[in-house]
N, C-alpha and C. Protein backbone atom coordinates (compact mmCIF):
# COMPACT_ATOMS: atom_id res chain seq x y z
N GLY A 1 -31.18 0.98 -5.13
CA GLY A 1 -29.80 0.84 -5.48
C GLY A 1 -29.63 -0.20 -6.56
N ALA A 2 -28.54 -0.15 -7.24
CA ALA A 2 -28.20 -1.13 -8.27
C ALA A 2 -26.69 -1.28 -8.30
N LEU A 3 -26.23 -2.49 -8.60
CA LEU A 3 -24.81 -2.78 -8.72
C LEU A 3 -24.54 -3.32 -10.11
N ALA A 4 -23.38 -3.05 -10.64
CA ALA A 4 -22.98 -3.60 -11.92
C ALA A 4 -21.68 -4.36 -11.70
N GLY A 5 -21.70 -5.63 -12.01
CA GLY A 5 -20.52 -6.46 -11.79
C GLY A 5 -19.73 -6.74 -13.04
N GLY A 6 -20.08 -6.11 -14.15
CA GLY A 6 -19.34 -6.34 -15.39
C GLY A 6 -19.46 -7.77 -15.88
N GLY A 7 -20.58 -8.44 -15.57
CA GLY A 7 -20.77 -9.82 -16.00
C GLY A 7 -20.20 -10.83 -15.03
N GLU A 8 -19.41 -10.38 -14.08
CA GLU A 8 -18.84 -11.29 -13.09
C GLU A 8 -19.82 -11.49 -11.94
N ALA A 9 -19.77 -12.64 -11.28
CA ALA A 9 -20.60 -12.88 -10.10
C ALA A 9 -20.08 -12.00 -8.97
N LEU A 10 -20.99 -11.29 -8.31
CA LEU A 10 -20.60 -10.41 -7.21
C LEU A 10 -20.43 -11.21 -5.93
N PRO A 11 -19.39 -10.96 -5.15
CA PRO A 11 -19.22 -11.66 -3.88
C PRO A 11 -20.29 -11.20 -2.88
N PRO A 12 -20.62 -12.02 -1.87
CA PRO A 12 -21.69 -11.69 -0.93
C PRO A 12 -21.53 -10.33 -0.25
N GLN A 13 -20.33 -9.91 0.06
CA GLN A 13 -20.14 -8.64 0.76
C GLN A 13 -20.46 -7.43 -0.12
N LEU A 14 -20.58 -7.62 -1.43
CA LEU A 14 -20.92 -6.53 -2.32
C LEU A 14 -22.37 -6.55 -2.78
N ARG A 15 -23.08 -7.65 -2.56
CA ARG A 15 -24.46 -7.77 -3.01
C ARG A 15 -25.37 -6.92 -2.14
N LEU A 16 -26.56 -6.59 -2.65
CA LEU A 16 -27.54 -5.77 -1.93
C LEU A 16 -28.52 -6.65 -1.16
N PHE A 17 -28.81 -6.26 0.06
CA PHE A 17 -29.74 -6.98 0.92
C PHE A 17 -30.80 -6.00 1.41
N GLY A 18 -32.04 -6.46 1.59
CA GLY A 18 -33.12 -5.58 2.01
C GLY A 18 -33.83 -6.10 3.25
N GLY A 19 -34.72 -5.26 3.76
CA GLY A 19 -35.50 -5.60 4.94
C GLY A 19 -34.93 -4.95 6.18
N GLY A 20 -35.71 -4.95 7.25
CA GLY A 20 -35.26 -4.39 8.51
C GLY A 20 -35.89 -3.05 8.84
N PRO A 21 -35.49 -2.44 9.95
CA PRO A 21 -36.14 -1.22 10.42
C PRO A 21 -35.98 -0.01 9.50
N LEU A 22 -34.98 0.01 8.64
CA LEU A 22 -34.80 1.12 7.72
C LEU A 22 -35.20 0.75 6.29
N GLY A 23 -35.81 -0.41 6.12
CA GLY A 23 -36.23 -0.86 4.80
C GLY A 23 -37.66 -1.36 4.86
N VAL A 24 -37.88 -2.59 4.45
CA VAL A 24 -39.19 -3.22 4.52
C VAL A 24 -39.31 -3.83 5.91
N ARG A 25 -40.09 -3.19 6.77
CA ARG A 25 -40.14 -3.56 8.18
C ARG A 25 -40.84 -4.89 8.45
N GLY A 26 -41.52 -5.46 7.46
CA GLY A 26 -42.16 -6.76 7.64
C GLY A 26 -41.21 -7.93 7.46
N VAL A 27 -39.95 -7.63 7.17
CA VAL A 27 -38.94 -8.66 6.93
C VAL A 27 -37.77 -8.43 7.89
N ALA A 28 -37.23 -9.50 8.41
CA ALA A 28 -36.05 -9.38 9.27
C ALA A 28 -34.92 -8.71 8.49
N PRO A 29 -34.02 -8.02 9.17
CA PRO A 29 -32.92 -7.34 8.47
C PRO A 29 -32.16 -8.27 7.53
N ASN A 30 -31.97 -7.80 6.31
CA ASN A 30 -31.19 -8.48 5.27
C ASN A 30 -31.81 -9.78 4.77
N LEU A 31 -33.12 -10.00 4.99
CA LEU A 31 -33.74 -11.23 4.49
C LEU A 31 -34.77 -11.00 3.39
N LEU A 32 -34.84 -9.80 2.84
CA LEU A 32 -35.70 -9.59 1.68
C LEU A 32 -34.91 -10.00 0.45
N GLY A 33 -35.52 -10.79 -0.38
CA GLY A 33 -34.86 -11.20 -1.62
C GLY A 33 -34.73 -12.71 -1.72
N PRO A 34 -34.06 -13.18 -2.76
CA PRO A 34 -33.87 -14.61 -2.94
C PRO A 34 -33.16 -15.21 -1.72
N ARG A 35 -33.66 -16.38 -1.29
CA ARG A 35 -33.14 -17.01 -0.07
C ARG A 35 -32.87 -18.49 -0.30
N PHE A 36 -32.18 -19.07 0.65
CA PHE A 36 -31.98 -20.52 0.68
C PHE A 36 -32.03 -20.97 2.13
N LEU A 37 -32.12 -22.27 2.33
CA LEU A 37 -32.16 -22.86 3.66
C LEU A 37 -30.87 -23.60 3.92
N LEU A 38 -30.39 -23.52 5.15
CA LEU A 38 -29.18 -24.24 5.55
C LEU A 38 -29.55 -25.13 6.72
N LEU A 39 -29.31 -26.42 6.58
CA LEU A 39 -29.61 -27.39 7.63
C LEU A 39 -28.77 -27.06 8.85
N ARG A 40 -29.41 -27.04 10.02
CA ARG A 40 -28.71 -26.66 11.26
C ARG A 40 -27.63 -27.66 11.67
N ASP A 41 -27.86 -28.96 11.45
CA ASP A 41 -26.83 -29.95 11.80
C ASP A 41 -26.71 -30.95 10.66
N THR A 42 -25.65 -31.70 10.65
CA THR A 42 -25.39 -32.62 9.54
C THR A 42 -26.11 -33.96 9.68
N THR A 43 -26.74 -34.23 10.83
CA THR A 43 -27.43 -35.50 11.00
C THR A 43 -28.76 -35.54 10.27
N GLY A 44 -29.45 -34.40 10.21
CA GLY A 44 -30.74 -34.36 9.54
C GLY A 44 -31.85 -35.03 10.32
N ASP A 45 -31.66 -35.22 11.65
CA ASP A 45 -32.69 -35.84 12.48
C ASP A 45 -34.00 -35.08 12.38
N GLY A 46 -35.08 -35.78 12.06
CA GLY A 46 -36.40 -35.17 11.96
C GLY A 46 -36.66 -34.47 10.65
N LEU A 47 -35.72 -34.52 9.71
CA LEU A 47 -35.85 -33.80 8.45
C LEU A 47 -36.88 -34.43 7.52
N GLY A 48 -37.01 -35.75 7.55
CA GLY A 48 -37.96 -36.44 6.67
C GLY A 48 -37.34 -36.88 5.36
N CYS A 49 -36.03 -36.74 5.24
CA CYS A 49 -35.31 -37.20 4.05
C CYS A 49 -33.85 -37.40 4.43
N ALA A 50 -33.13 -38.10 3.59
CA ALA A 50 -31.72 -38.36 3.85
C ALA A 50 -30.89 -37.12 3.53
N VAL A 51 -29.76 -37.00 4.20
CA VAL A 51 -28.83 -35.91 3.90
C VAL A 51 -27.95 -36.37 2.74
N ALA A 52 -28.53 -36.22 1.55
CA ALA A 52 -27.86 -36.63 0.32
C ALA A 52 -28.32 -35.72 -0.81
N ALA A 53 -27.48 -35.55 -1.80
CA ALA A 53 -27.79 -34.65 -2.92
C ALA A 53 -29.13 -35.02 -3.55
N GLY A 54 -30.05 -34.05 -3.61
CA GLY A 54 -31.36 -34.23 -4.24
C GLY A 54 -32.37 -35.01 -3.45
N ALA A 55 -32.05 -35.49 -2.26
CA ALA A 55 -32.94 -36.37 -1.50
C ALA A 55 -34.13 -35.66 -0.87
N CYS A 56 -34.10 -34.35 -0.76
CA CYS A 56 -35.17 -33.62 -0.07
C CYS A 56 -36.06 -32.82 -1.02
N GLU A 57 -36.03 -33.14 -2.28
CA GLU A 57 -36.84 -32.42 -3.28
C GLU A 57 -38.32 -32.50 -2.92
N GLY A 58 -38.94 -31.36 -2.67
CA GLY A 58 -40.37 -31.29 -2.38
C GLY A 58 -40.78 -31.63 -0.95
N VAL A 59 -39.82 -31.93 -0.09
CA VAL A 59 -40.12 -32.29 1.31
C VAL A 59 -40.38 -31.01 2.10
N ALA A 60 -41.42 -31.01 2.93
CA ALA A 60 -41.70 -29.88 3.82
C ALA A 60 -40.76 -29.96 5.01
N VAL A 61 -40.06 -28.87 5.29
CA VAL A 61 -39.09 -28.86 6.39
C VAL A 61 -39.59 -27.99 7.54
N ASP A 62 -39.27 -28.40 8.73
CA ASP A 62 -39.63 -27.68 9.95
C ASP A 62 -38.68 -26.49 10.11
N ARG A 63 -39.22 -25.35 10.45
CA ARG A 63 -38.42 -24.13 10.59
C ARG A 63 -37.35 -24.25 11.67
N ASP A 64 -37.54 -25.13 12.64
CA ASP A 64 -36.55 -25.30 13.70
C ASP A 64 -35.33 -26.11 13.26
N LEU A 65 -35.42 -26.77 12.11
CA LEU A 65 -34.31 -27.59 11.62
C LEU A 65 -33.38 -26.85 10.66
N VAL A 66 -33.81 -25.66 10.22
CA VAL A 66 -33.03 -24.94 9.20
C VAL A 66 -32.82 -23.49 9.61
N ARG A 67 -31.85 -22.87 8.97
CA ARG A 67 -31.61 -21.43 9.07
C ARG A 67 -31.92 -20.83 7.71
N VAL A 68 -32.56 -19.68 7.69
CA VAL A 68 -32.85 -18.99 6.43
C VAL A 68 -31.71 -18.02 6.17
N ARG A 69 -31.18 -18.05 4.95
CA ARG A 69 -30.09 -17.17 4.56
C ARG A 69 -30.45 -16.48 3.26
N ALA A 70 -30.02 -15.24 3.11
CA ALA A 70 -30.29 -14.47 1.88
C ALA A 70 -29.12 -14.57 0.92
N LEU A 71 -29.43 -14.54 -0.37
CA LEU A 71 -28.40 -14.55 -1.40
C LEU A 71 -27.98 -13.14 -1.79
N GLY A 72 -28.82 -12.16 -1.48
CA GLY A 72 -28.53 -10.80 -1.90
C GLY A 72 -28.82 -10.63 -3.38
N GLY A 73 -28.63 -9.42 -3.87
CA GLY A 73 -28.94 -9.18 -5.26
C GLY A 73 -28.12 -8.07 -5.86
N GLU A 74 -28.37 -7.82 -7.12
CA GLU A 74 -27.67 -6.77 -7.85
C GLU A 74 -28.52 -5.51 -7.98
N ALA A 75 -29.80 -5.61 -7.62
CA ALA A 75 -30.68 -4.43 -7.66
C ALA A 75 -31.64 -4.51 -6.48
N LEU A 76 -31.90 -3.36 -5.87
CA LEU A 76 -32.75 -3.27 -4.69
C LEU A 76 -33.62 -2.03 -4.80
N LEU A 77 -34.89 -2.19 -4.51
CA LEU A 77 -35.81 -1.07 -4.46
C LEU A 77 -36.64 -1.20 -3.20
N GLU A 78 -36.64 -0.18 -2.35
CA GLU A 78 -37.46 -0.16 -1.15
C GLU A 78 -38.15 1.20 -1.06
N THR A 79 -39.42 1.19 -0.68
CA THR A 79 -40.16 2.43 -0.52
C THR A 79 -41.18 2.27 0.59
N SER A 80 -41.68 3.39 1.10
CA SER A 80 -42.62 3.34 2.20
C SER A 80 -43.62 4.49 2.09
N LEU A 81 -44.85 4.22 2.48
CA LEU A 81 -45.88 5.23 2.61
C LEU A 81 -46.30 5.21 4.07
N GLU A 82 -46.25 6.38 4.72
CA GLU A 82 -46.49 6.41 6.16
C GLU A 82 -47.35 7.61 6.55
N ALA A 83 -48.29 7.38 7.46
CA ALA A 83 -49.11 8.46 8.03
C ALA A 83 -48.77 8.52 9.52
N ARG A 84 -48.55 9.74 10.02
CA ARG A 84 -48.15 9.93 11.43
C ARG A 84 -49.12 10.86 12.14
N LEU A 85 -49.28 10.62 13.44
CA LEU A 85 -50.17 11.44 14.25
C LEU A 85 -49.56 11.62 15.64
N TRP A 86 -49.31 12.88 16.02
CA TRP A 86 -48.84 13.16 17.37
C TRP A 86 -50.04 13.09 18.30
N ILE A 87 -49.97 12.25 19.33
CA ILE A 87 -51.08 12.17 20.29
C ILE A 87 -50.74 12.89 21.59
N SER A 88 -49.49 13.25 21.76
CA SER A 88 -49.04 14.07 22.87
C SER A 88 -47.71 14.72 22.45
N ARG A 89 -47.11 15.49 23.35
CA ARG A 89 -45.83 16.14 23.02
C ARG A 89 -44.70 15.12 22.86
N ARG A 90 -44.87 13.93 23.41
CA ARG A 90 -43.78 12.94 23.39
C ARG A 90 -44.10 11.67 22.62
N ILE A 91 -45.33 11.48 22.20
CA ILE A 91 -45.72 10.22 21.56
C ILE A 91 -46.33 10.47 20.19
N GLN A 92 -45.83 9.74 19.22
CA GLN A 92 -46.34 9.80 17.85
C GLN A 92 -46.73 8.39 17.42
N LEU A 93 -47.90 8.24 16.80
CA LEU A 93 -48.33 6.96 16.24
C LEU A 93 -48.18 7.01 14.73
N ALA A 94 -48.00 5.85 14.12
CA ALA A 94 -47.83 5.78 12.67
C ALA A 94 -48.50 4.53 12.12
N ALA A 95 -48.99 4.65 10.91
CA ALA A 95 -49.45 3.51 10.13
C ALA A 95 -48.66 3.57 8.82
N PHE A 96 -48.21 2.43 8.34
CA PHE A 96 -47.35 2.43 7.15
C PHE A 96 -47.58 1.22 6.28
N VAL A 97 -47.14 1.35 5.06
CA VAL A 97 -47.06 0.24 4.11
C VAL A 97 -45.68 0.34 3.47
N ASP A 98 -44.88 -0.70 3.64
CA ASP A 98 -43.55 -0.77 3.03
C ASP A 98 -43.59 -1.72 1.84
N ALA A 99 -42.81 -1.44 0.85
CA ALA A 99 -42.69 -2.31 -0.32
C ALA A 99 -41.22 -2.39 -0.70
N GLY A 100 -40.83 -3.55 -1.18
CA GLY A 100 -39.44 -3.71 -1.60
C GLY A 100 -39.27 -4.87 -2.55
N ALA A 101 -38.18 -4.85 -3.28
CA ALA A 101 -37.85 -5.92 -4.21
C ALA A 101 -36.33 -6.02 -4.32
N VAL A 102 -35.85 -7.24 -4.44
CA VAL A 102 -34.44 -7.51 -4.68
C VAL A 102 -34.35 -8.43 -5.88
N TRP A 103 -33.51 -8.05 -6.86
CA TRP A 103 -33.26 -8.86 -8.04
C TRP A 103 -31.83 -9.37 -7.98
N SER A 104 -31.65 -10.66 -8.23
CA SER A 104 -30.31 -11.23 -8.10
C SER A 104 -29.56 -11.30 -9.41
N GLY A 105 -30.19 -10.96 -10.51
CA GLY A 105 -29.49 -11.01 -11.79
C GLY A 105 -29.67 -12.36 -12.47
N ASP A 106 -28.95 -12.55 -13.56
CA ASP A 106 -29.12 -13.76 -14.37
C ASP A 106 -28.62 -15.02 -13.70
N ASP A 107 -27.65 -14.88 -12.78
CA ASP A 107 -27.08 -16.09 -12.17
C ASP A 107 -27.92 -16.59 -11.00
N GLY A 108 -28.95 -15.85 -10.57
CA GLY A 108 -29.81 -16.29 -9.47
C GLY A 108 -29.03 -16.45 -8.18
N GLY A 109 -27.96 -15.71 -8.03
CA GLY A 109 -27.15 -15.86 -6.83
C GLY A 109 -26.23 -17.07 -6.92
N ALA A 110 -26.11 -17.65 -8.11
CA ALA A 110 -25.23 -18.80 -8.36
C ALA A 110 -25.62 -20.03 -7.56
N LEU A 111 -26.91 -20.18 -7.25
CA LEU A 111 -27.40 -21.36 -6.53
C LEU A 111 -28.55 -21.95 -7.33
N PRO A 112 -28.41 -23.19 -7.83
CA PRO A 112 -29.48 -23.80 -8.61
C PRO A 112 -30.78 -23.84 -7.80
N GLY A 113 -31.88 -23.51 -8.44
CA GLY A 113 -33.18 -23.53 -7.78
C GLY A 113 -33.53 -22.25 -7.05
N ALA A 114 -32.57 -21.34 -6.91
CA ALA A 114 -32.84 -20.09 -6.19
C ALA A 114 -33.64 -19.15 -7.08
N ALA A 115 -34.56 -18.41 -6.46
CA ALA A 115 -35.34 -17.42 -7.20
C ALA A 115 -34.41 -16.32 -7.69
N ARG A 116 -34.79 -15.68 -8.76
CA ARG A 116 -34.01 -14.57 -9.29
C ARG A 116 -34.43 -13.25 -8.67
N SER A 117 -35.63 -13.21 -8.10
CA SER A 117 -36.09 -11.98 -7.46
C SER A 117 -37.15 -12.30 -6.42
N GLU A 118 -37.38 -11.33 -5.56
CA GLU A 118 -38.48 -11.43 -4.61
C GLU A 118 -38.95 -10.02 -4.32
N SER A 119 -40.26 -9.86 -4.24
CA SER A 119 -40.83 -8.57 -3.85
C SER A 119 -41.87 -8.82 -2.77
N LEU A 120 -42.11 -7.80 -1.97
CA LEU A 120 -43.01 -7.96 -0.84
C LEU A 120 -43.58 -6.61 -0.44
N VAL A 121 -44.86 -6.61 -0.03
CA VAL A 121 -45.52 -5.43 0.50
C VAL A 121 -45.99 -5.79 1.91
N THR A 122 -45.59 -4.98 2.90
CA THR A 122 -45.95 -5.28 4.28
C THR A 122 -46.58 -4.06 4.95
N PRO A 123 -47.80 -4.22 5.49
CA PRO A 123 -48.43 -3.13 6.25
C PRO A 123 -48.02 -3.22 7.72
N GLY A 124 -48.16 -2.11 8.44
CA GLY A 124 -47.83 -2.14 9.86
C GLY A 124 -48.21 -0.87 10.58
N VAL A 125 -47.95 -0.88 11.88
CA VAL A 125 -48.18 0.27 12.75
C VAL A 125 -46.95 0.47 13.62
N GLY A 126 -46.79 1.70 14.11
CA GLY A 126 -45.64 1.99 14.95
C GLY A 126 -45.95 3.08 15.95
N ALA A 127 -45.06 3.21 16.91
CA ALA A 127 -45.16 4.27 17.92
C ALA A 127 -43.76 4.80 18.17
N LEU A 128 -43.66 6.13 18.24
CA LEU A 128 -42.40 6.80 18.52
C LEU A 128 -42.56 7.54 19.85
N VAL A 129 -41.58 7.36 20.73
CA VAL A 129 -41.58 8.04 22.02
C VAL A 129 -40.32 8.88 22.11
N LEU A 130 -40.48 10.16 22.43
CA LEU A 130 -39.33 11.03 22.64
C LEU A 130 -38.88 10.85 24.08
N SER A 131 -37.81 10.10 24.27
CA SER A 131 -37.30 9.82 25.61
C SER A 131 -36.12 10.74 25.91
N PRO A 132 -35.68 10.78 27.17
CA PRO A 132 -34.49 11.58 27.51
C PRO A 132 -33.23 11.11 26.79
N PHE A 133 -33.25 9.87 26.28
CA PHE A 133 -32.09 9.31 25.59
C PHE A 133 -32.18 9.47 24.08
N GLY A 134 -33.26 10.08 23.61
CA GLY A 134 -33.47 10.25 22.18
C GLY A 134 -34.74 9.53 21.75
N PRO A 135 -35.12 9.65 20.47
CA PRO A 135 -36.32 9.01 19.98
C PRO A 135 -36.20 7.48 20.01
N VAL A 136 -37.27 6.82 20.45
CA VAL A 136 -37.35 5.35 20.47
C VAL A 136 -38.59 4.97 19.68
N ARG A 137 -38.42 4.14 18.68
CA ARG A 137 -39.56 3.75 17.84
C ARG A 137 -39.71 2.24 17.82
N LEU A 138 -40.94 1.78 17.99
CA LEU A 138 -41.28 0.36 17.87
C LEU A 138 -42.29 0.22 16.75
N ASP A 139 -41.95 -0.60 15.76
CA ASP A 139 -42.84 -0.88 14.63
C ASP A 139 -43.22 -2.35 14.65
N VAL A 140 -44.45 -2.63 14.27
CA VAL A 140 -44.93 -4.00 14.11
C VAL A 140 -45.49 -4.09 12.70
N ALA A 141 -44.92 -4.97 11.89
CA ALA A 141 -45.35 -5.12 10.50
C ALA A 141 -45.80 -6.56 10.26
N TYR A 142 -46.68 -6.72 9.31
CA TYR A 142 -47.25 -8.03 8.96
C TYR A 142 -46.60 -8.54 7.68
N ASP A 143 -46.07 -9.77 7.73
CA ASP A 143 -45.45 -10.40 6.57
C ASP A 143 -46.44 -11.38 5.94
N PRO A 144 -46.96 -11.09 4.75
CA PRO A 144 -47.95 -11.97 4.12
C PRO A 144 -47.34 -13.11 3.29
N SER A 145 -46.05 -13.36 3.41
CA SER A 145 -45.38 -14.36 2.57
C SER A 145 -46.00 -15.75 2.73
N PRO A 146 -46.25 -16.41 1.61
CA PRO A 146 -46.77 -17.79 1.67
C PRO A 146 -45.63 -18.79 1.82
N ALA A 147 -45.99 -20.05 2.03
CA ALA A 147 -44.99 -21.12 2.00
C ALA A 147 -44.42 -21.17 0.59
N ARG A 148 -43.14 -21.49 0.46
CA ARG A 148 -42.52 -21.56 -0.86
C ARG A 148 -41.42 -22.60 -0.89
N ARG A 149 -40.99 -22.92 -2.09
CA ARG A 149 -39.89 -23.88 -2.27
C ARG A 149 -38.58 -23.10 -2.31
N LEU A 150 -37.64 -23.52 -1.46
CA LEU A 150 -36.33 -22.89 -1.39
C LEU A 150 -35.25 -23.96 -1.46
N PRO A 151 -34.10 -23.65 -2.05
CA PRO A 151 -33.00 -24.61 -2.06
C PRO A 151 -32.57 -24.92 -0.62
N LEU A 152 -32.36 -26.18 -0.34
CA LEU A 152 -31.92 -26.64 0.98
C LEU A 152 -30.50 -27.18 0.86
N LEU A 153 -29.60 -26.59 1.65
CA LEU A 153 -28.21 -27.03 1.64
C LEU A 153 -27.83 -27.61 3.00
N ALA A 154 -26.84 -28.47 2.99
CA ALA A 154 -26.29 -29.04 4.22
C ALA A 154 -24.78 -29.14 4.04
N GLU A 155 -24.06 -29.04 5.15
CA GLU A 155 -22.61 -29.23 5.08
C GLU A 155 -22.34 -30.66 4.65
N ASP A 156 -21.42 -30.82 3.72
CA ASP A 156 -21.05 -32.14 3.25
C ASP A 156 -20.37 -32.89 4.39
N PRO A 157 -20.87 -34.09 4.75
CA PRO A 157 -20.24 -34.86 5.84
C PRO A 157 -18.76 -35.14 5.59
N ASP A 158 -18.33 -35.16 4.34
CA ASP A 158 -16.93 -35.40 4.01
C ASP A 158 -16.08 -34.14 4.15
N GLY A 159 -16.73 -32.99 4.46
CA GLY A 159 -16.01 -31.74 4.62
C GLY A 159 -15.67 -31.05 3.32
N ASP A 160 -16.34 -31.44 2.23
CA ASP A 160 -16.07 -30.87 0.91
C ASP A 160 -17.08 -29.80 0.52
N GLY A 161 -17.38 -28.86 1.40
CA GLY A 161 -18.31 -27.78 1.06
C GLY A 161 -19.73 -28.11 1.47
N PHE A 162 -20.67 -27.91 0.53
CA PHE A 162 -22.09 -28.08 0.82
C PHE A 162 -22.75 -28.98 -0.20
N LEU A 163 -23.80 -29.67 0.25
CA LEU A 163 -24.62 -30.51 -0.63
C LEU A 163 -25.94 -29.81 -0.87
N LEU A 164 -26.43 -29.81 -2.11
CA LEU A 164 -27.76 -29.30 -2.41
C LEU A 164 -28.72 -30.47 -2.27
N LEU A 165 -29.55 -30.42 -1.22
CA LEU A 165 -30.47 -31.52 -0.92
C LEU A 165 -31.73 -31.45 -1.78
N GLY A 166 -31.94 -30.35 -2.47
CA GLY A 166 -33.13 -30.18 -3.31
C GLY A 166 -33.90 -28.95 -2.89
N ASP A 167 -34.99 -28.68 -3.58
CA ASP A 167 -35.87 -27.56 -3.23
C ASP A 167 -36.90 -28.06 -2.23
N ALA A 168 -36.80 -27.59 -1.01
CA ALA A 168 -37.70 -28.00 0.06
C ALA A 168 -38.82 -26.98 0.24
N VAL A 169 -39.96 -27.43 0.72
CA VAL A 169 -41.08 -26.54 1.00
C VAL A 169 -40.88 -25.96 2.39
N PHE A 170 -40.90 -24.64 2.47
CA PHE A 170 -40.64 -23.96 3.74
C PHE A 170 -41.74 -22.95 4.02
N ASP A 171 -42.35 -23.07 5.19
CA ASP A 171 -43.37 -22.11 5.64
C ASP A 171 -42.83 -21.42 6.87
N PRO A 172 -42.39 -20.16 6.75
CA PRO A 172 -41.81 -19.46 7.90
C PRO A 172 -42.85 -19.02 8.92
N HIS A 173 -44.13 -19.11 8.56
CA HIS A 173 -45.18 -18.56 9.42
C HIS A 173 -46.22 -19.62 9.75
N ASP A 174 -45.92 -20.50 10.68
CA ASP A 174 -46.90 -21.52 11.05
C ASP A 174 -47.94 -20.99 12.03
N THR A 175 -47.74 -19.78 12.56
CA THR A 175 -48.73 -19.14 13.43
C THR A 175 -48.84 -17.67 13.03
N PHE A 176 -49.94 -17.02 13.43
CA PHE A 176 -50.11 -15.60 13.14
C PHE A 176 -49.00 -14.79 13.78
N ARG A 177 -48.62 -15.11 15.00
CA ARG A 177 -47.57 -14.38 15.72
C ARG A 177 -46.26 -14.35 14.93
N ARG A 178 -45.95 -15.43 14.24
CA ARG A 178 -44.70 -15.48 13.46
C ARG A 178 -44.76 -14.62 12.21
N ARG A 179 -45.95 -14.21 11.81
CA ARG A 179 -46.09 -13.29 10.67
C ARG A 179 -45.78 -11.86 11.08
N LEU A 180 -45.82 -11.57 12.37
CA LEU A 180 -45.55 -10.22 12.85
C LEU A 180 -44.06 -10.03 13.06
N GLN A 181 -43.55 -8.96 12.51
CA GLN A 181 -42.13 -8.62 12.63
C GLN A 181 -42.02 -7.36 13.48
N PHE A 182 -41.33 -7.45 14.61
CA PHE A 182 -41.14 -6.32 15.50
C PHE A 182 -39.78 -5.70 15.20
N GLN A 183 -39.76 -4.37 15.05
CA GLN A 183 -38.54 -3.65 14.74
C GLN A 183 -38.39 -2.51 15.75
N LEU A 184 -37.27 -2.46 16.44
CA LEU A 184 -36.98 -1.42 17.40
C LEU A 184 -35.88 -0.53 16.83
N SER A 185 -36.13 0.79 16.81
CA SER A 185 -35.16 1.74 16.29
C SER A 185 -34.88 2.78 17.35
N LEU A 186 -33.62 3.09 17.56
CA LEU A 186 -33.22 4.08 18.56
C LEU A 186 -32.54 5.25 17.89
N GLY A 187 -32.87 6.47 18.33
CA GLY A 187 -32.16 7.65 17.88
C GLY A 187 -32.53 8.17 16.51
N GLN A 188 -33.58 7.63 15.88
CA GLN A 188 -33.96 8.12 14.57
C GLN A 188 -34.73 9.43 14.71
N THR A 189 -34.55 10.31 13.76
CA THR A 189 -35.14 11.64 13.86
C THR A 189 -36.56 11.72 13.34
N PHE A 190 -37.10 10.67 12.76
CA PHE A 190 -38.46 10.77 12.25
C PHE A 190 -39.41 10.65 13.39
């Protein structure tokens, strides 16, 4: 998909988001593409830097202290290659490779330090069971994303919007288990 905003910045509800069970299954729904971090609380306890503009530049942040948010984009491409094998009348196994990319345009989502695009290829396996309630599919995909620098924002203690604390180093996968993305789909005809 692609959107044209006529040179104007597109509002979040119109931007394109990728990932999830119907897109790139190695990424949580709507988290493929340029992202930023939002501090969970305004105290910054355990953050390793002060909650002040630019104070966290280059600081590694713990995943439990932040929320990952997507900026969305103006162009989205997702594709999949999948091999399926029926092992019984009710069970089908699958192996797949999903690929996707989101481009945010020239404004980078209007957030300084934000990437303008992100692409990802994720391999995985799945199983489909034909149940009395309809098809049930469970997919497990591997996210190979490395640690990266993302803009870190916090609510301004004065209540005046948000502060950009700097580009923090974020590793979403500190264990192998966290690299695995489980996707459950109900009622799909594939």
